[in-house]
Amino acid sequence: MDITRPDLLLIEGIKTLGSLGQNLYSDKKSEAKAKAELAFIGQKKMDKVQHQLFRYNADDLEYKEMLKSFQVLKRLKPESIYWLNLHGIHDEQVVQEVGKMVQVDRLTIRQILDTTQRSKSEEYDNYLFFSVKSIAKTKDNVEVEQLSFILGTGYVISFQEEVGDHFDGIRHKIKEGLGFIRKRGGDYLLSQLLDAIVDNYFEAIDQINADISLIEKVVINDPDKSTLIALEKHKSEAQIIKKALGPFKEAISNILSGDTALIKDVNLKYYKDINNSAVAAMEEIDATLRALEGLTNICFASQSQKMNETMKVLTTVATIFIPLTFIAGIYGMNFDNMPELHHPYGYYYTWGVMGAISIAMLIYFKVKKWI
């Protein structure tokens, strides 16, 4: 290039700036895309992420809250089991940092952050990933929470959307050294965590069934519009439970059908028991839906029966008054040549005939079992 040519220098400078701008834009775009891939999808339920760490074995226990860093996951003691539990998954950096410590795949991080994911189980080279839906029945509705679990060699990491009492019983067992939980590995701990979630399904179903038993009495005695609304509300709640329970059962079945070294044979029976419980819960929620459908049909039939009874009474009254109206219409005509009008007992005869017709019709309806 001729440096004595200012025009050529200007053109070359523009090209260089354009190339730098394009590279900068490309880097910015790649960075934005990477951030978008790890974006939290769902409703933020906590202001700040909380975390607790249990390190335990049969003879020793250590418990910490709100760790300054997660470097401890890089220095796992082989004789101990580690359980890190996080409340709140809206902070992408925290979730990503935890995943980085145990070399979790980027796709797994994205699935943890996405609360719209259906329940699933996936096996990777160094860990097992579970994403499940937990159910909590409140007075007004059914709340669904996504929980994710990572099972690795010597550790379990659990992710919850908010603080809840799902695992309080398990924490108590660890602290008090009850049962086998401190004598067995992380796969046993995970089985207990999943079993606690299944228990929540049963509790929610039992609460719906208890409400149904109360509504059933109203349906049989005196159903109204509010009864139908209550039935439809419980039907919607049961459908939510069934929608969450189906994929949960599939996730457990996928683990049982595979052959993973992360779940020992001695603990495999607990996962089979969880699968059996999930099948039983599915059968129970199906029975609940059938009961709700049956009560809805009874409610409609009862209301229809009420309407039929009302229509029967109105039809009977109208039918009896048809001949009476006919007689009254005849003698209501203003003709002079009507002998009955001048009869001294014509009024009484007319009433007698009308009464006799009414009684005769009532007797006829009764014999025919129309009333």
Protein backbone atom coordinates (compact mmCIF):
# COMPACT_ATOMS: atom_id res chain seq x y z
CA MET A 1 0.00 0.00 0.00
CA ASP A 2 1.30 3.43 -0.89
CA ILE A 3 1.58 5.42 2.34
CA THR A 4 1.80 8.62 0.31
CA ARG A 5 -1.82 8.15 -0.74
CA PRO A 6 -4.08 9.60 2.00
CA ASP A 7 -7.19 8.23 0.33
CA LEU A 8 -5.83 4.67 0.51
CA LEU A 9 -4.87 5.14 4.15
CA LEU A 10 -8.41 6.34 4.93
CA ILE A 11 -10.00 3.37 3.18
CA GLU A 12 -7.73 0.90 5.00
CA GLY A 13 -8.52 2.53 8.36
CA ILE A 14 -12.26 2.26 7.72
CA LYS A 15 -11.87 -1.42 6.86
CA THR A 16 -9.90 -2.06 10.06
CA LEU A 17 -12.48 -0.29 12.23
CA GLY A 18 -15.27 -2.19 10.53
CA SER A 19 -13.52 -5.50 11.18
CA LEU A 20 -12.97 -4.61 14.86
CA GLY A 21 -16.60 -3.53 15.22
CA GLN A 22 -17.83 -6.74 13.65
CA ASN A 23 -15.65 -8.86 15.96
CA LEU A 24 -16.83 -6.88 18.99
CA TYR A 25 -20.46 -7.31 17.91
CA SER A 26 -19.88 -11.02 17.39
CA ASP A 27 -18.33 -11.37 20.87
CA LYS A 28 -21.20 -9.43 22.45
CA LYS A 29 -23.72 -11.56 20.59
CA SER A 30 -22.04 -14.80 21.68
CA GLU A 31 -21.91 -13.58 25.28
CA ALA A 32 -25.59 -12.61 25.21
CA LYS A 33 -26.50 -15.97 23.70
CA ALA A 34 -24.56 -17.80 26.41
CA LYS A 35 -26.35 -15.81 29.10
CA ALA A 36 -29.71 -16.46 27.47
CA GLU A 37 -29.07 -20.19 27.46
CA LEU A 38 -28.60 -20.12 31.24
CA ALA A 39 -31.47 -17.79 32.04
CA PHE A 40 -33.84 -18.62 34.89
CA ILE A 41 -37.30 -19.53 33.63
CA GLY A 42 -40.05 -19.43 36.20
CA GLN A 43 -41.38 -17.40 39.10
CA LYS A 44 -38.89 -15.96 41.57
CA LYS A 45 -40.02 -17.19 45.00
CA MET A 46 -37.13 -15.98 47.19
CA ASP A 47 -35.10 -12.80 47.40
CA LYS A 48 -31.79 -14.52 48.13
CA VAL A 49 -30.54 -18.05 47.56
CA GLN A 50 -30.00 -20.01 50.78
CA HIS A 51 -27.87 -23.14 51.07
CA GLN A 52 -26.98 -25.73 53.68
CA LEU A 53 -24.27 -28.38 53.65
CA PHE A 54 -24.27 -31.68 55.51
CA ARG A 55 -21.07 -33.71 55.68
CA TYR A 56 -21.56 -36.96 57.51
CA ASN A 57 -20.65 -40.59 58.00
CA ALA A 58 -21.58 -43.17 60.61
CA ASP A 59 -19.42 -41.51 63.30
CA ASP A 60 -19.13 -37.86 62.31
CA LEU A 61 -21.42 -34.98 61.35
CA GLU A 62 -20.71 -31.45 60.17
CA TYR A 63 -23.40 -28.90 59.26
CA LYS A 64 -22.91 -25.47 57.69
CA GLU A 65 -25.24 -22.76 56.37
CA MET A 66 -24.67 -20.02 53.81
CA LEU A 67 -21.27 -21.11 52.52
CA LYS A 68 -18.92 -18.38 51.34
CA SER A 69 -17.88 -20.60 48.43
CA PHE A 70 -18.53 -24.08 47.11
CA GLN A 71 -14.87 -25.09 46.90
CA VAL A 72 -15.59 -27.85 49.42
CA LEU A 73 -17.20 -29.80 46.58
CA LYS A 74 -13.76 -30.02 44.96
CA ARG A 75 -12.18 -31.54 48.07
CA LEU A 76 -14.58 -34.33 48.97
CA LYS A 77 -13.44 -36.70 51.66
CA PRO A 78 -13.90 -40.28 50.47
CA GLU A 79 -15.07 -41.51 53.88
CA SER A 80 -17.92 -38.93 54.04
CA ILE A 81 -21.17 -38.18 52.25
CA TYR A 82 -21.94 -34.58 51.27
CA TRP A 83 -25.43 -33.16 50.86
CA LEU A 84 -25.68 -29.60 49.58
CA ASN A 85 -29.21 -28.21 49.49
CA LEU A 86 -30.09 -24.89 47.84
CA HIS A 87 -33.31 -22.94 48.41
CA GLY A 88 -33.88 -20.65 45.43
CA ILE A 89 -32.68 -21.26 41.88
CA HIS A 90 -33.26 -17.83 40.35
CA ASP A 91 -29.59 -16.83 40.67
CA GLU A 92 -27.93 -18.26 37.57
CA GLN A 93 -24.43 -17.52 38.84
CA VAL A 94 -24.87 -19.51 42.05
CA VAL A 95 -26.32 -22.51 40.22
CA GLN A 96 -23.60 -22.31 37.60
CA GLU A 97 -20.87 -22.06 40.26
CA VAL A 98 -22.18 -25.16 42.05
CA GLY A 99 -22.30 -27.04 38.77
CA LYS A 100 -18.78 -25.99 37.92
CA MET A 101 -17.43 -27.45 41.17
CA VAL A 102 -18.63 -30.97 40.27
CA GLN A 103 -18.27 -30.63 36.48
CA VAL A 104 -21.98 -30.62 35.66
CA ASP A 105 -22.91 -30.41 32.00
CA ARG A 106 -24.20 -27.04 30.74
CA LEU A 107 -27.44 -28.66 29.58
CA THR A 108 -28.08 -29.88 33.13
CA ILE A 109 -27.60 -26.34 34.49
CA ARG A 110 -30.09 -25.04 31.96
CA GLN A 111 -32.62 -27.71 32.97
CA ILE A 112 -32.21 -26.85 36.66
CA LEU A 113 -32.95 -23.19 35.91
CA ASP A 114 -36.02 -24.00 33.80
CA THR A 115 -38.97 -24.69 36.13
CA THR A 116 -41.21 -25.58 33.18
CA GLN A 117 -39.27 -28.79 32.55
CA ARG A 118 -41.19 -32.04 32.98
CA SER A 119 -39.84 -34.60 35.43
CA LYS A 120 -36.97 -36.63 34.01
CA SER A 121 -33.85 -38.60 34.88
CA GLU A 122 -30.63 -38.54 32.88
CA GLU A 123 -27.35 -40.35 33.39
CA TYR A 124 -24.03 -38.69 32.57
CA ASP A 125 -20.45 -39.92 32.85
CA ASN A 126 -19.88 -38.72 36.41
CA TYR A 127 -23.35 -38.03 37.84
CA LEU A 128 -27.04 -38.84 37.74
CA PHE A 129 -29.56 -36.02 37.23
CA PHE A 130 -33.16 -35.96 38.45
CA SER A 131 -35.71 -33.22 37.80
CA VAL A 132 -39.05 -33.82 39.52
CA LYS A 133 -42.19 -31.95 40.51
CA SER A 134 -43.26 -31.79 44.14
CA ILE A 135 -46.86 -31.16 45.17
CA ALA A 136 -48.16 -29.22 48.18
CA LYS A 137 -51.91 -28.97 48.82
CA THR A 138 -52.97 -25.70 50.42
CA LYS A 139 -56.44 -24.60 51.44
CA ASP A 140 -57.08 -22.79 48.16
CA ASN A 141 -55.10 -24.70 45.53
CA VAL A 142 -52.34 -27.13 44.67
CA GLU A 143 -48.82 -25.68 44.46
CA VAL A 144 -46.23 -27.27 42.20
CA GLU A 145 -42.51 -26.88 42.87
CA GLN A 146 -39.65 -28.12 40.75
CA LEU A 147 -36.85 -29.94 42.56
CA SER A 148 -33.62 -31.05 40.90
CA PHE A 149 -31.05 -33.52 42.20
CA ILE A 150 -27.50 -34.36 41.19
CA LEU A 151 -26.11 -37.64 42.48
CA GLY A 152 -22.39 -38.13 42.18
CA THR A 153 -19.74 -40.22 43.87
CA GLY A 154 -19.94 -39.25 47.53
CA TYR A 155 -22.33 -36.32 47.17
CA VAL A 156 -25.92 -35.26 46.52
CA ILE A 157 -26.92 -31.74 45.48
CA SER A 158 -30.57 -30.71 45.68
CA PHE A 159 -32.17 -27.56 44.26
CA GLN A 160 -35.48 -26.23 45.58
CA GLU A 161 -37.42 -23.18 44.37
CA GLU A 162 -38.22 -22.05 47.91
CA VAL A 163 -37.88 -22.98 51.57
CA GLY A 164 -40.16 -25.89 52.40
CA ASP A 165 -40.59 -28.78 54.79
CA HIS A 166 -40.09 -31.53 52.23
CA PHE A 167 -36.93 -32.86 53.83
CA ASP A 168 -37.20 -31.81 57.48
CA GLY A 169 -37.62 -35.45 58.55
CA ILE A 170 -34.49 -36.44 56.64
CA ARG A 171 -32.48 -33.62 58.21
CA HIS A 172 -33.64 -34.79 61.62
CA LYS A 173 -32.52 -38.36 60.88
CA ILE A 174 -29.09 -37.15 59.78
CA LYS A 175 -28.60 -34.95 62.84
CA GLU A 176 -29.79 -37.64 65.26
CA GLY A 177 -28.16 -40.54 63.41
CA LEU A 178 -31.45 -42.42 63.04
CA GLY A 179 -31.92 -45.34 60.68
CA PHE A 180 -29.46 -46.21 57.94
CA ILE A 181 -29.08 -42.74 56.49
CA ARG A 182 -25.61 -42.04 57.93
CA LYS A 183 -24.42 -45.60 57.32
CA ARG A 184 -25.11 -45.73 53.59
CA GLY A 185 -24.10 -43.72 50.55
CA GLY A 186 -25.49 -40.80 48.62
CA ASP A 187 -27.70 -43.09 46.53
CA TYR A 188 -29.57 -44.06 49.71
CA LEU A 189 -29.91 -40.38 50.65
CA LEU A 190 -31.37 -39.61 47.22
CA SER A 191 -33.86 -42.46 47.59
CA GLN A 192 -35.05 -40.94 50.88
CA LEU A 193 -35.39 -37.50 49.28
CA LEU A 194 -37.44 -38.91 46.40
CA ASP A 195 -39.53 -40.96 48.82
CA ALA A 196 -40.36 -37.78 50.76
CA ILE A 197 -41.65 -36.24 47.52
CA VAL A 198 -43.88 -39.25 46.88
CA ASP A 199 -45.24 -38.85 50.42
CA ASN A 200 -46.23 -35.29 49.50
CA TYR A 201 -48.23 -36.66 46.57
CA PHE A 202 -50.11 -39.01 48.89
CA GLU A 203 -50.77 -36.21 51.38
CA ALA A 204 -52.20 -33.98 48.67
CA ILE A 205 -54.40 -36.79 47.34
CA ASP A 206 -55.63 -37.62 50.86
CA GLN A 207 -56.59 -33.98 51.44
CA ILE A 208 -58.55 -33.89 48.19
CA ASN A 209 -60.31 -37.15 49.10
CA ALA A 210 -61.18 -35.72 52.53
CA ASP A 211 -62.74 -32.68 50.87
CA ILE A 212 -64.61 -34.93 48.44
CA SER A 213 -66.15 -36.92 51.29
CA LEU A 214 -67.63 -33.68 52.66
CA ILE A 215 -68.89 -32.59 49.25
CA GLU A 216 -70.44 -36.02 48.70
CA LYS A 217 -72.92 -35.43 51.52
CA VAL A 218 -73.99 -32.14 49.97
CA VAL A 219 -74.33 -33.74 46.53
CA ILE A 220 -76.65 -36.42 47.91
CA ASN A 221 -78.75 -34.05 50.03
CA ASP A 222 -79.01 -30.68 48.29
CA PRO A 223 -76.50 -29.83 45.54
CA ASP A 224 -76.38 -26.34 44.10
CA LYS A 225 -74.16 -24.21 41.87
CA SER A 226 -71.45 -23.85 44.54
CA THR A 227 -71.25 -27.64 44.79
CA LEU A 228 -70.48 -27.91 41.08
CA ILE A 229 -67.83 -25.19 41.38
CA ALA A 230 -66.17 -27.05 44.27
CA LEU A 231 -66.19 -30.31 42.30
CA GLU A 232 -64.62 -28.67 39.25
CA LYS A 233 -61.96 -27.04 41.46
CA HIS A 234 -60.96 -30.38 42.99
CA LYS A 235 -61.04 -32.00 39.56
CA SER A 236 -58.58 -29.39 38.31
CA GLU A 237 -56.31 -30.01 41.32
CA ALA A 238 -56.40 -33.76 40.74
CA GLN A 239 -55.44 -33.23 37.09
CA ILE A 240 -52.44 -31.13 38.17
CA ILE A 241 -51.29 -33.93 40.48
CA LYS A 242 -51.73 -36.56 37.78
CA LYS A 243 -49.85 -34.42 35.25
CA ALA A 244 -46.89 -34.12 37.66
CA LEU A 245 -47.02 -37.71 38.89
CA GLY A 246 -46.87 -39.42 35.49
CA PRO A 247 -43.44 -38.10 34.43
CA PHE A 248 -42.13 -38.66 37.98
CA LYS A 249 -43.00 -42.35 37.68
CA GLU A 250 -41.34 -42.48 34.26
CA ALA A 251 -38.15 -40.93 35.65
CA ILE A 252 -37.88 -43.60 38.34
CA SER A 253 -38.67 -46.35 35.84
CA ASN A 254 -35.89 -45.11 33.54
CA ILE A 255 -33.34 -45.52 36.34
CA LEU A 256 -34.57 -49.01 37.18
CA SER A 257 -34.43 -50.06 33.54
CA GLY A 258 -30.83 -48.87 33.22
CA ASP A 259 -27.64 -50.04 34.87
CA THR A 260 -25.89 -47.20 36.66
CA ALA A 261 -22.90 -47.67 38.95
CA LEU A 262 -23.99 -44.68 41.05
CA ILE A 263 -26.85 -46.68 42.58
CA LYS A 264 -25.61 -49.74 44.46
CA ASP A 265 -27.47 -53.01 44.31
CA VAL A 266 -28.13 -52.92 48.05
CA ASN A 267 -30.03 -49.63 47.65
CA LEU A 268 -31.77 -50.43 44.37
CA LYS A 269 -34.70 -51.96 46.27
CA TYR A 270 -35.54 -48.53 47.69
CA TYR A 271 -35.93 -47.11 44.18
CA LYS A 272 -38.17 -50.05 43.28
CA ASP A 273 -40.26 -49.23 46.34
CA ILE A 274 -40.49 -45.59 45.20
CA ASN A 275 -41.63 -46.77 41.79
CA ASN A 276 -44.29 -48.99 43.38
CA SER A 277 -45.45 -46.06 45.52
CA ALA A 278 -45.65 -43.83 42.45
CA VAL A 279 -47.77 -46.48 40.68
CA ALA A 280 -50.05 -46.69 43.74
CA ALA A 281 -50.35 -42.89 43.84
CA MET A 282 -51.24 -42.86 40.14
CA GLU A 283 -53.96 -45.45 40.73
CA GLU A 284 -55.28 -43.45 43.68
CA ILE A 285 -55.44 -40.18 41.77
CA ASP A 286 -57.22 -41.98 38.92
CA ALA A 287 -59.75 -43.28 41.45
CA THR A 288 -60.14 -39.76 42.80
CA LEU A 289 -60.82 -38.40 39.32
CA ARG A 290 -63.40 -41.13 38.71
CA ALA A 291 -65.08 -40.29 42.03
CA LEU A 292 -65.17 -36.61 41.11
CA GLU A 293 -66.62 -37.43 37.70
CA GLY A 294 -69.25 -39.64 39.34
CA LEU A 295 -70.21 -36.94 41.84
CA THR A 296 -70.46 -34.40 39.04
CA ASN A 297 -72.84 -36.71 37.16
CA ILE A 298 -74.88 -37.26 40.34
CA CYS A 299 -75.02 -33.50 40.88
CA PHE A 300 -76.31 -32.91 37.36
CA ALA A 301 -78.76 -35.80 37.69
CA SER A 302 -80.01 -34.47 41.05
CA GLN A 303 -80.57 -31.02 39.62
CA SER A 304 -82.31 -32.53 36.62
CA GLN A 305 -84.48 -34.60 38.95
CA LYS A 306 -85.41 -31.49 40.89
CA MET A 307 -86.38 -29.77 37.69
CA ASN A 308 -88.43 -32.80 36.62
CA GLU A 309 -90.28 -32.79 39.95
CA THR A 310 -91.03 -29.11 39.57
CA MET A 311 -92.18 -29.58 35.99
CA LYS A 312 -94.36 -32.52 37.08
CA VAL A 313 -96.16 -30.38 39.67
CA LEU A 314 -96.63 -27.52 37.22
CA THR A 315 -97.87 -29.88 34.50
CA THR A 316 -100.34 -31.53 36.89
CA VAL A 317 -101.75 -28.18 37.98
CA ALA A 318 -101.95 -26.94 34.39
CA THR A 319 -103.63 -30.17 33.21
CA ILE A 320 -106.27 -30.00 35.97
CA PHE A 321 -107.05 -26.39 35.17
CA ILE A 322 -107.48 -26.96 31.44
CA PRO A 323 -111.06 -28.41 31.70
CA LEU A 324 -111.88 -25.97 34.48
CA THR A 325 -110.77 -23.08 32.31
CA PHE A 326 -112.87 -24.54 29.47
CA ILE A 327 -116.01 -24.58 31.64
CA ALA A 328 -115.31 -21.10 32.98
CA GLY A 329 -114.79 -19.89 29.42
CA ILE A 330 -118.12 -21.25 28.25
CA TYR A 331 -120.12 -19.66 31.03
CA GLY A 332 -118.18 -16.46 30.71
CA MET A 333 -119.69 -15.82 27.27
CA ASN A 334 -122.32 -13.07 27.24
CA PHE A 335 -125.18 -14.87 25.48
CA ASP A 336 -128.81 -14.42 26.64
CA ASN A 337 -129.95 -17.87 25.50
CA MET A 338 -128.01 -19.88 28.11
CA PRO A 339 -130.57 -21.73 30.32
CA GLU A 340 -128.00 -22.59 33.02
CA LEU A 341 -127.46 -18.92 33.74
CA HIS A 342 -131.04 -18.56 34.95
CA HIS A 343 -131.13 -21.78 36.97
CA PRO A 344 -131.36 -21.02 40.70
CA TYR A 345 -128.66 -23.62 41.50
CA GLY A 346 -126.59 -23.22 38.31
CA TYR A 347 -123.64 -21.66 40.15
CA TYR A 348 -123.48 -24.53 42.64
CA TYR A 349 -123.87 -27.19 39.95
CA THR A 350 -121.00 -25.65 38.01
CA TRP A 351 -118.72 -25.68 41.05
CA GLY A 352 -119.71 -29.28 41.74
CA VAL A 353 -118.90 -30.39 38.22
CA MET A 354 -115.57 -28.56 38.29
CA GLY A 355 -114.66 -30.11 41.65
CA ALA A 356 -115.64 -33.58 40.49
CA ILE A 357 -113.49 -33.22 37.38
CA SER A 358 -110.50 -32.11 39.47
CA ILE A 359 -110.84 -35.02 41.90
CA ALA A 360 -111.35 -37.52 39.09
CA MET A 361 -108.21 -36.31 37.31
CA LEU A 362 -106.13 -36.50 40.51
CA ILE A 363 -107.33 -40.08 41.08
CA TYR A 364 -106.52 -40.99 37.47
CA PHE A 365 -102.99 -39.50 37.75
CA LYS A 366 -102.44 -41.40 40.97
CA VAL A 367 -103.55 -44.69 39.47
CA LYS A 368 -101.23 -44.14 36.51
CA LYS A 369 -98.43 -43.28 38.99
CA TRP A 370 -97.80 -39.97 37.27
CA ILE A 371 -97.81 -38.22 40.64
